[in-house]
Amino acid sequence: MVVEYTSILDFIDFNGQYVMDNAYYPFEDVYNLPFAISYGLWKIIGGALAWLINLIFPENPVSDWLMSEPVCVLLSLIIFMLIVFIVVFVCTLISLWMERKCLGRMMDRRGTMVGMKGFLQCVADGLKTFMKENTIPKKVDNMTYMWTVSLVIGVSVLLACMIPLSQRWFVVNYDSGLLIIMAFFALAPFFILVSGWSQNNKYAMIGGMRAAELMISYEVPMLIMIATTALLAGSFNIGDIVDAQYETVWYFIPQIIGFITFFFCATAESERVPFDIAEAEAELVEGWQTEYAGMKWGLIMLADYFRGYVACAMVTIMYLGGWALPIIGNGPIPEIVFLLKTWFVFFLMILVRAALGRVRPDQIVNIGWKVFMPLSVINLAVVLLLKVGGFFRWL
C-alpha cells in the first residue's frame, strides 16, 4: 500500500520516547538521547524528502521505503554517529581554547584573542594546517607511515566517542567499559613506536622508542587502580560505577592516594607536559611527529587533545561521581555536569603544565616503578580494608 504524503507535519514526532517503539530500536530497553534526536531529525529530513518525491512522482513506493522502520533506524544511526562526534569534537576544541586562555593568564598575557574570546583561533589553526603542503619524505615506509598515524588518530576519536556523558548519552552500554577504554588507550604508544620507525628519521625513532619504553611504567599502575575502582563499585560497567558513588561517596575520598596517582598517570598516558617525553620539542625537534606535515600534523595535535579529554573523563568517572551530583543525583542535564567535571580535571592538567618542567625519560620510569606502583598497591590495600571492614558492601 502506497501512502500519500500530504504534509511534512505527518512525519514529525518530537516525543523522544516514541523512538523506543520502533521494532528495530538498537538499544534494547534503554533510552538513548542522541539517537532520539537523530531519529527526530530523520523524521523531519526523511519526511520532507518523502513528501517531495511523492509530489513529483505520486503513489511511488520510494516514499514508503524512506519512512519504513528499518530505514529510519539505519539512517538515524548515521546521524547519531555524526551528532556524537560533533559534540566530542566541540568539547575537545573548548579544552584547547581553555588551555590557551589559562596558560596565557598564568604567563601574564591574554592568550588567543581571535574571535569569540579567542575560540575561533582553533578554527583558524585547522584551516591553516589544511592549507599547508602535504609533504612526504622519499625514504619513508609509505604504507606504515600512513597507516600508523591514521590509527593513532582513529583510535583517539573512537575512544572519545565511547565515553558516555550520562545514562542516556552513550554509544554502547558495555559491562567491561573501563577495561575496553584502557585497552584502546594503550594502543597509541605501539602505533607511535612503529610510526617513528617508519619515518627513517633518528629523532622520530628516538621518540617512538621513548613512548614504548615509558608506556608500561605508568600503565601497570593505571590498570591496578582501574581494578581497584571496579572492586570498590563491584562492576567494570561505567554506569554502575557512577551509581555506586551516588549511593555512597565520591571515590576520591576513600581513594585519595589513587586519585592523585591516577591523575598523574593519565597525564603521562595522554603525553602532556611534563610527561611529553615522546615529543620533546626542545630536544627531539618534534619527536615521533617530525616527518608529518600539513593536515596530518594538525590531526595528530587534535588526537592528543582527544586523548587528554578521555584521560580527564576517566578521572571523572572513577573518582568524581561521573555525571551524578550528591543528593541531586542525575539531575535534568547530567551531560553538562559531566563535562564541567571533566574540564575541571583538564584545568588541573593545565596547572601542572604551567608549574612543572619536563622530566627526563629515566625520571618518569623511576616515578612509574618506584612511586606510582607502590602507591597503587597501597591504594588497593586501603580499598580491601574498607571492603572487609564493611564500609562498602560486596556486590
Protein backbone atom coordinates (compact mmCIF):
# COMPACT_ATOMS: atom_id res chain seq x y z
CA MET A 1 0.00 0.00 0.00
CA VAL A 2 1.38 3.39 -1.04
CA VAL A 3 0.77 6.25 1.38
CA GLU A 4 0.02 9.71 0.03
CA TYR A 5 2.17 12.31 1.76
CA THR A 6 0.09 15.46 2.08
CA SER A 7 2.03 17.36 4.74
CA ILE A 8 5.52 17.30 6.20
CA LEU A 9 3.94 17.54 9.64
CA ASP A 10 2.61 13.99 9.20
CA PHE A 11 6.11 12.65 9.85
CA ILE A 12 7.38 14.90 12.64
CA ASP A 13 7.18 13.42 16.13
CA PHE A 14 9.01 15.27 18.90
CA ASN A 15 8.14 12.71 21.61
CA GLY A 16 11.55 11.22 22.35
CA GLN A 17 10.14 8.03 23.90
CA TYR A 18 8.36 7.22 20.63
CA VAL A 19 11.67 6.10 19.15
CA MET A 20 11.73 3.11 21.52
CA ASP A 21 8.52 1.79 19.95
CA ASN A 22 10.41 1.09 16.72
CA ALA A 23 10.85 -2.68 16.34
CA TYR A 24 14.45 -2.12 15.20
CA TYR A 25 15.46 0.19 18.07
CA PRO A 26 19.14 -0.76 18.66
CA PHE A 27 19.49 -0.03 22.39
CA GLU A 28 17.10 -2.61 23.85
CA ASP A 29 15.04 -1.01 26.64
CA VAL A 30 17.41 1.89 27.45
CA TYR A 31 16.55 5.39 26.30
CA ASN A 32 19.34 6.97 24.23
CA LEU A 33 19.11 10.75 23.91
CA PRO A 34 21.42 11.33 20.88
CA PHE A 35 19.68 8.54 18.98
CA ALA A 36 16.28 10.02 19.84
CA ILE A 37 17.49 13.38 18.50
CA SER A 38 18.80 11.64 15.37
CA TYR A 39 15.54 9.78 14.92
CA GLY A 40 13.58 13.03 15.18
CA LEU A 41 15.90 14.71 12.68
CA TRP A 42 15.43 11.88 10.19
CA LYS A 43 11.67 12.10 10.68
CA ILE A 44 11.93 15.74 9.57
CA ILE A 45 14.50 15.24 6.78
CA GLY A 46 13.11 11.92 5.56
CA GLY A 47 9.52 13.11 5.82
CA ALA A 48 10.31 16.22 3.79
CA LEU A 49 12.15 14.12 1.21
CA ALA A 50 9.35 11.52 1.02
CA TRP A 51 6.75 14.27 0.69
CA LEU A 52 8.76 15.96 -2.10
CA ILE A 53 9.24 12.69 -4.00
CA ASN A 54 5.53 11.97 -3.69
CA LEU A 55 4.70 15.40 -5.13
CA ILE A 56 6.89 14.71 -8.18
CA PHE A 57 6.00 11.01 -8.55
CA PRO A 58 2.59 10.40 -6.96
CA GLU A 59 1.91 6.99 -5.41
CA ASN A 60 5.52 5.77 -5.62
CA PRO A 61 6.95 3.08 -3.29
CA VAL A 62 10.15 5.02 -2.51
CA SER A 63 8.36 7.38 -0.13
CA ASP A 64 7.09 4.45 1.93
CA TRP A 65 10.53 2.85 1.91
CA LEU A 66 12.23 6.02 3.18
CA MET A 67 9.90 6.16 6.19
CA SER A 68 9.86 2.42 6.95
CA GLU A 69 11.10 1.36 10.41
CA PRO A 70 14.39 -0.33 9.39
CA VAL A 71 15.40 2.52 7.05
CA CYS A 72 14.57 5.12 9.71
CA VAL A 73 16.79 3.31 12.23
CA LEU A 74 19.64 2.79 9.75
CA LEU A 75 19.80 6.42 8.63
CA SER A 76 19.19 7.63 12.18
CA LEU A 77 22.29 5.68 13.26
CA ILE A 78 24.37 7.59 10.70
CA ILE A 79 23.06 10.91 12.03
CA PHE A 80 23.56 9.58 15.57
CA MET A 81 27.27 8.94 14.93
CA LEU A 82 27.66 12.42 13.44
CA ILE A 83 25.99 14.03 16.48
CA VAL A 84 28.18 12.13 18.95
CA PHE A 85 31.34 13.05 17.01
CA ILE A 86 30.36 16.72 16.67
CA VAL A 87 29.68 17.01 20.42
CA VAL A 88 33.02 15.38 21.29
CA PHE A 89 34.82 17.49 18.69
CA VAL A 90 33.38 20.74 20.06
CA CYS A 91 34.20 19.68 23.64
CA THR A 92 37.79 19.00 22.57
CA LEU A 93 38.06 22.41 20.89
CA ILE A 94 36.77 24.00 24.10
CA SER A 95 39.52 22.17 26.00
CA LEU A 96 42.11 23.53 23.57
CA TRP A 97 40.70 27.05 23.91
CA MET A 98 40.64 26.76 27.70
CA GLU A 99 44.29 25.68 27.79
CA ARG A 100 45.38 28.61 25.65
CA LYS A 101 43.48 31.15 27.73
CA CYS A 102 44.54 29.68 31.08
CA LEU A 103 48.20 29.38 30.08
CA GLY A 104 48.07 32.94 28.81
CA ARG A 105 46.82 34.23 32.16
CA MET A 106 49.41 32.16 34.02
CA MET A 107 52.11 33.74 31.85
CA ASP A 108 50.70 37.24 32.46
CA ARG A 109 49.24 37.68 28.98
CA ARG A 110 45.75 37.46 27.50
CA GLY A 111 46.12 34.37 25.37
CA THR A 112 44.43 33.90 21.99
CA MET A 113 42.05 36.74 21.01
CA VAL A 114 40.82 35.64 17.54
CA GLY A 115 37.02 35.88 17.58
CA MET A 116 34.56 34.78 20.30
CA LYS A 117 37.02 35.40 23.15
CA GLY A 118 39.71 33.57 21.19
CA PHE A 119 37.74 30.40 20.37
CA LEU A 120 37.95 30.91 16.60
CA GLN A 121 41.74 30.59 16.84
CA CYS A 122 41.14 26.81 16.96
CA VAL A 123 39.20 27.00 13.68
CA ALA A 124 41.87 29.22 12.14
CA ASP A 125 44.59 26.73 13.09
CA GLY A 126 42.64 23.91 11.49
CA LEU A 127 42.26 25.87 8.25
CA LYS A 128 45.96 26.79 8.35
CA THR A 129 47.15 23.18 8.66
CA PHE A 130 44.65 22.06 6.00
CA MET A 131 46.08 24.56 3.51
CA LYS A 132 49.73 23.63 4.10
CA GLU A 133 51.62 21.44 1.67
CA ASN A 134 51.29 17.69 2.26
CA THR A 135 54.92 16.60 2.03
CA ILE A 136 56.13 13.00 2.45
CA PRO A 137 59.88 12.21 2.65
CA LYS A 138 61.26 9.90 -0.05
CA LYS A 139 62.72 7.14 2.11
CA VAL A 140 59.81 6.51 4.46
CA ASP A 141 57.90 3.23 4.56
CA ASN A 142 54.81 4.66 2.86
CA MET A 143 52.22 2.12 3.99
CA THR A 144 53.34 2.08 7.65
CA TYR A 145 53.88 5.85 7.60
CA MET A 146 50.24 6.50 6.64
CA TRP A 147 48.52 3.63 8.45
CA THR A 148 50.06 4.23 11.86
CA VAL A 149 49.16 7.92 12.01
CA SER A 150 45.67 7.06 10.76
CA LEU A 151 45.29 4.50 13.54
CA VAL A 152 46.57 6.91 16.21
CA ILE A 153 44.01 9.49 15.12
CA GLY A 154 41.21 6.95 14.58
CA VAL A 155 41.65 5.21 17.93
CA SER A 156 41.74 8.57 19.73
CA VAL A 157 38.47 9.66 18.11
CA LEU A 158 36.87 6.27 18.78
CA LEU A 159 37.84 6.44 22.45
CA ALA A 160 36.45 9.94 22.87
CA CYS A 161 33.14 8.91 21.30
CA MET A 162 32.94 5.80 23.52
CA ILE A 163 32.94 7.87 26.71
CA PRO A 164 29.31 8.12 27.95
CA LEU A 165 28.19 11.57 29.08
CA SER A 166 25.26 10.21 31.10
CA GLN A 167 22.99 7.19 31.43
CA ARG A 168 21.08 8.44 28.39
CA TRP A 169 24.06 9.62 26.28
CA PHE A 170 26.21 6.67 25.20
CA VAL A 171 27.27 4.72 22.13
CA VAL A 172 27.43 1.23 23.66
CA ASN A 173 26.45 0.23 27.19
CA TYR A 174 29.22 -2.34 27.76
CA ASP A 175 29.83 -4.16 31.04
CA SER A 176 33.62 -4.07 30.70
CA GLY A 177 33.64 -0.34 29.94
CA LEU A 178 36.77 0.82 31.75
CA LEU A 179 38.84 -2.14 30.56
CA ILE A 180 37.88 -1.62 26.92
CA ILE A 181 38.71 2.10 27.13
CA MET A 182 42.08 1.35 28.75
CA ALA A 183 42.84 -1.34 26.14
CA PHE A 184 42.29 1.10 23.27
CA PHE A 185 44.11 3.84 25.18
CA ALA A 186 47.19 1.62 25.44
CA LEU A 187 47.35 1.03 21.66
CA ALA A 188 48.59 4.54 20.85
CA PRO A 189 52.21 4.05 22.10
CA PHE A 190 52.57 0.92 19.92
CA PHE A 191 51.42 2.86 16.86
CA ILE A 192 53.77 5.70 17.83
CA LEU A 193 56.73 3.29 18.01
CA VAL A 194 56.01 1.85 14.56
CA SER A 195 55.36 5.33 13.18
CA GLY A 196 58.70 6.58 14.49
CA TRP A 197 60.47 3.63 12.86
CA SER A 198 58.70 4.10 9.50
CA GLN A 199 59.84 7.73 9.06
CA ASN A 200 63.55 6.89 8.61
CA ASN A 201 64.42 9.76 10.95
CA LYS A 202 66.59 9.41 14.05
CA TYR A 203 64.59 11.93 16.07
CA ALA A 204 61.28 10.24 15.21
CA MET A 205 62.79 6.85 16.03
CA ILE A 206 64.00 8.02 19.44
CA GLY A 207 60.56 9.50 20.14
CA GLY A 208 58.85 6.21 19.25
CA MET A 209 61.26 4.19 21.39
CA ARG A 210 60.67 6.53 24.32
CA ALA A 211 56.89 6.10 24.02
CA ALA A 212 57.15 2.31 24.06
CA GLU A 213 59.70 2.33 26.89
CA LEU A 214 57.69 4.58 29.15
CA MET A 215 54.27 3.12 28.45
CA ILE A 216 54.47 0.15 30.77
CA SER A 217 55.87 2.17 33.67
CA TYR A 218 52.63 4.09 34.12
CA GLU A 219 50.07 1.76 32.51
CA VAL A 220 50.54 -1.06 35.03
CA PRO A 221 49.69 1.26 37.96
CA MET A 222 46.73 2.57 35.96
CA LEU A 223 45.37 -0.95 35.46
CA ILE A 224 45.73 -1.66 39.18
CA MET A 225 43.79 1.50 40.04
CA ILE A 226 41.08 0.69 37.48
CA ALA A 227 40.73 -2.76 39.04
CA THR A 228 40.62 -1.13 42.50
CA THR A 229 37.76 1.15 41.46
CA ALA A 230 35.90 -1.78 39.93
CA LEU A 231 36.41 -3.72 43.18
CA LEU A 232 35.00 -0.86 45.22
CA ALA A 233 31.97 -0.45 42.93
CA GLY A 234 31.54 -4.16 42.24
CA SER A 235 31.49 -3.70 38.45
CA PHE A 236 33.51 -2.58 35.45
CA ASN A 237 30.37 -1.02 33.93
CA ILE A 238 30.71 2.78 33.86
CA GLY A 239 27.06 3.36 34.78
CA ASP A 240 27.35 1.02 37.77
CA ILE A 241 30.50 2.82 38.98
CA VAL A 242 28.74 6.20 38.80
CA ASP A 243 25.64 4.85 40.58
CA ALA A 244 27.78 3.28 43.31
CA GLN A 245 29.40 6.66 44.02
CA TYR A 246 25.99 8.34 44.23
CA GLU A 247 24.82 5.72 46.74
CA THR A 248 27.95 6.04 48.91
CA VAL A 249 30.55 8.76 48.37
CA TRP A 250 32.73 10.02 45.54
CA TYR A 251 35.66 7.64 45.34
CA PHE A 252 38.35 10.33 45.52
CA ILE A 253 37.62 10.41 49.30
CA PRO A 254 38.43 6.76 50.14
CA GLN A 255 40.91 6.61 47.25
CA ILE A 256 42.68 9.94 47.63
CA ILE A 257 46.01 8.19 47.00
CA GLY A 258 44.60 6.51 43.90
CA PHE A 259 43.04 9.76 42.68
CA ILE A 260 46.34 11.67 42.78
CA THR A 261 48.31 8.75 41.33
CA PHE A 262 45.83 8.06 38.54
CA PHE A 263 45.71 11.76 37.65
CA PHE A 264 49.46 11.88 37.02
CA CYS A 265 49.42 8.51 35.21
CA ALA A 266 46.60 9.77 32.98
CA THR A 267 48.60 12.93 32.27
CA ALA A 268 51.55 10.78 31.22
CA GLU A 269 49.35 8.47 29.13
CA SER A 270 47.97 11.42 27.17
CA GLU A 271 51.55 12.68 26.58
CA ARG A 272 51.02 16.04 28.20
CA VAL A 273 53.68 18.25 29.81
CA PRO A 274 55.64 17.43 31.94
CA PHE A 275 55.46 13.88 30.56
CA ASP A 276 55.59 14.63 26.82
CA ILE A 277 58.82 12.67 26.51
CA ALA A 278 57.95 11.11 23.15
CA GLU A 279 57.55 14.57 21.55
CA ALA A 280 60.03 16.77 23.48
CA GLU A 281 60.25 19.66 21.00
CA ALA A 282 63.31 21.17 22.72
CA GLU A 283 65.48 18.07 22.28
CA LEU A 284 63.86 15.90 19.54
CA VAL A 285 62.67 18.58 17.08
CA GLU A 286 59.09 17.26 17.25
CA GLY A 287 59.72 13.69 18.40
CA TRP A 288 57.84 10.91 16.64
CA GLN A 289 55.84 13.53 14.66
CA THR A 290 58.90 15.10 12.99
CA GLU A 291 58.17 13.96 9.42
CA TYR A 292 54.43 14.60 9.47
CA ALA A 293 53.41 17.87 7.84
CA GLY A 294 50.26 19.76 6.92
CA MET A 295 46.91 18.33 7.89
CA LYS A 296 48.50 15.12 9.19
CA TRP A 297 50.35 17.12 11.83
CA GLY A 298 47.20 19.09 12.67
CA LEU A 299 45.17 15.90 13.14
CA ILE A 300 47.91 14.43 15.35
CA MET A 301 47.72 17.51 17.56
CA LEU A 302 43.94 17.20 17.68
CA ALA A 303 44.24 13.49 18.57
CA ASP A 304 46.47 14.48 21.53
CA TYR A 305 43.62 16.59 22.87
CA PHE A 306 41.12 13.80 22.23
CA ARG A 307 43.28 11.53 24.41
CA GLY A 308 43.54 14.27 27.01
CA TYR A 309 39.74 14.52 27.05
CA VAL A 310 39.47 10.74 27.51
CA ALA A 311 42.02 10.79 30.36
CA CYS A 312 40.10 13.55 32.19
CA ALA A 313 36.80 11.74 31.59
CA MET A 314 38.22 8.56 33.15
CA VAL A 315 39.29 10.52 36.25
CA THR A 316 35.77 11.98 36.44
CA ILE A 317 34.10 8.58 36.12
CA MET A 318 36.36 6.78 38.58
CA TYR A 319 36.74 9.39 41.31
CA LEU A 320 34.39 12.38 40.89
CA GLY A 321 30.99 10.70 40.62
CA GLY A 322 30.68 10.90 36.84
CA TRP A 323 27.51 12.73 35.79
CA ALA A 324 25.83 12.42 39.21
CA LEU A 325 25.77 15.03 41.97
CA PRO A 326 25.39 14.41 45.71
CA ILE A 327 21.74 14.43 46.86
CA ILE A 328 20.52 15.65 43.44
CA GLY A 329 21.61 12.53 41.55
CA ASN A 330 21.47 12.73 37.76
CA GLY A 331 19.54 15.99 37.59
CA PRO A 332 17.94 17.43 34.43
CA ILE A 333 21.20 17.95 32.46
CA PRO A 334 23.70 15.30 33.63
CA GLU A 335 25.72 15.69 30.41
CA ILE A 336 26.64 19.29 31.33
CA VAL A 337 27.59 18.18 34.86
CA PHE A 338 29.89 15.50 33.44
CA LEU A 339 31.58 17.91 31.03
CA LEU A 340 32.10 20.54 33.72
CA LYS A 341 33.81 17.97 35.95
CA THR A 342 35.93 16.80 33.02
CA TRP A 343 37.01 20.36 32.20
CA PHE A 344 37.87 20.89 35.87
CA VAL A 345 40.24 17.90 35.72
CA PHE A 346 41.68 19.29 32.48
CA PHE A 347 42.21 22.62 34.25
CA LEU A 348 44.30 20.77 36.85
CA MET A 349 46.38 19.34 33.99
CA ILE A 350 46.89 22.88 32.70
CA LEU A 351 48.10 23.95 36.15
CA VAL A 352 50.59 21.06 36.16
CA ARG A 353 51.82 22.07 32.71
CA ALA A 354 52.31 25.68 33.78
CA ALA A 355 54.03 24.81 37.06
CA LEU A 356 56.40 21.97 36.15
CA GLY A 357 59.21 21.49 33.66
CA ARG A 358 59.63 18.40 31.53
CA VAL A 359 61.04 15.36 33.32
CA ARG A 360 63.76 13.14 31.85
CA PRO A 361 62.96 9.66 30.50
CA ASP A 362 64.82 7.96 33.35
CA GLN A 363 62.93 10.09 35.88
CA ILE A 364 59.49 9.09 34.60
CA VAL A 365 60.49 5.41 34.56
CA ASN A 366 61.66 5.72 38.17
CA ILE A 367 58.49 7.57 39.11
CA GLY A 368 56.37 4.89 37.44
CA TRP A 369 58.01 1.90 39.09
CA LYS A 370 59.23 3.36 42.40
CA VAL A 371 56.40 5.80 43.19
CA PHE A 372 53.23 5.12 41.17
CA MET A 373 53.41 1.34 41.50
CA PRO A 374 53.76 1.24 45.33
CA LEU A 375 51.08 3.93 45.70
CA SER A 376 48.66 1.97 43.51
CA VAL A 377 49.24 -1.16 45.62
CA ILE A 378 48.75 0.85 48.85
CA ASN A 379 45.52 2.23 47.38
CA LEU A 380 44.37 -1.33 46.62
CA ALA A 381 45.17 -2.40 50.19
CA VAL A 382 43.16 0.52 51.61
CA VAL A 383 40.15 -0.39 49.47
CA LEU A 384 40.38 -4.05 50.52
CA LEU A 385 40.40 -2.99 54.18
CA LEU A 386 37.37 -0.78 53.61
CA LYS A 387 35.51 -3.61 51.90
CA VAL A 388 36.43 -6.17 54.56
CA GLY A 389 35.55 -3.69 57.29
CA GLY A 390 32.04 -3.31 55.87
CA PHE A 391 32.30 0.35 54.88
CA PHE A 392 31.43 -0.63 51.27
CA ARG A 393 29.19 -3.59 50.55
CA TRP A 394 30.26 -6.53 48.40
CA LEU A 395 28.27 -6.98 45.19
